[in-house]
Amino acid sequence: MNRWVFGIRLKIPDNEAYTALVALQRLDVPVRKIERMDVWDFESNSSYQELAKAVENNEALFNTNKHEIVPFSQARPRTGEVWIKKMDERPDVRRLFAGKTVAGSLSAHRYTGWRLFGESGKACDAAIVQLALERLLCNPAIERAIT
């Protein structure tokens, strides 16, 4: 069994990310840019390429006109990034994939990934990410943050 982690990011302007950016700036979080993506953590009996192709073929998850796949070298957030997971989410792949299948997937966990960048254009440090979490990005009553 293999474990593959990748993001699905919009290639088009992301209104949700823009709204979060403006809100964080109004909340005095020193952030200049923010990126959002769905992060998928799969257990699979397929190769990475086979699984990525199966995801691209699931129209409930992926639209080639507006999405791109972002590979992760490790199963954890990058610098300046946090992954948010709903506490009640279960790895039931049919429910996660809108009743469709993704060939080769045995289980999956979905996160919302937020990556924050500062004035210099570099990824924010852990303290700023934590501040953004506390002020906006995570509701600890129903969500869990992974930094």
Foldseek 3Di string as FASTA:
>chain_A
DDKFKKWKFWPDDDPVQVVLVVVCVVVVQQFDGKGKTKMKIFDFPDDPVLQVVLQCVQPLRHDVVTIDMGGDPDPADDFQKKWKFFPPDFFPQCVVSVNDDRPGTPGMGITMMMWTAHPVRHTDHPVSSVVSCVPPDDDVVTMDMTD
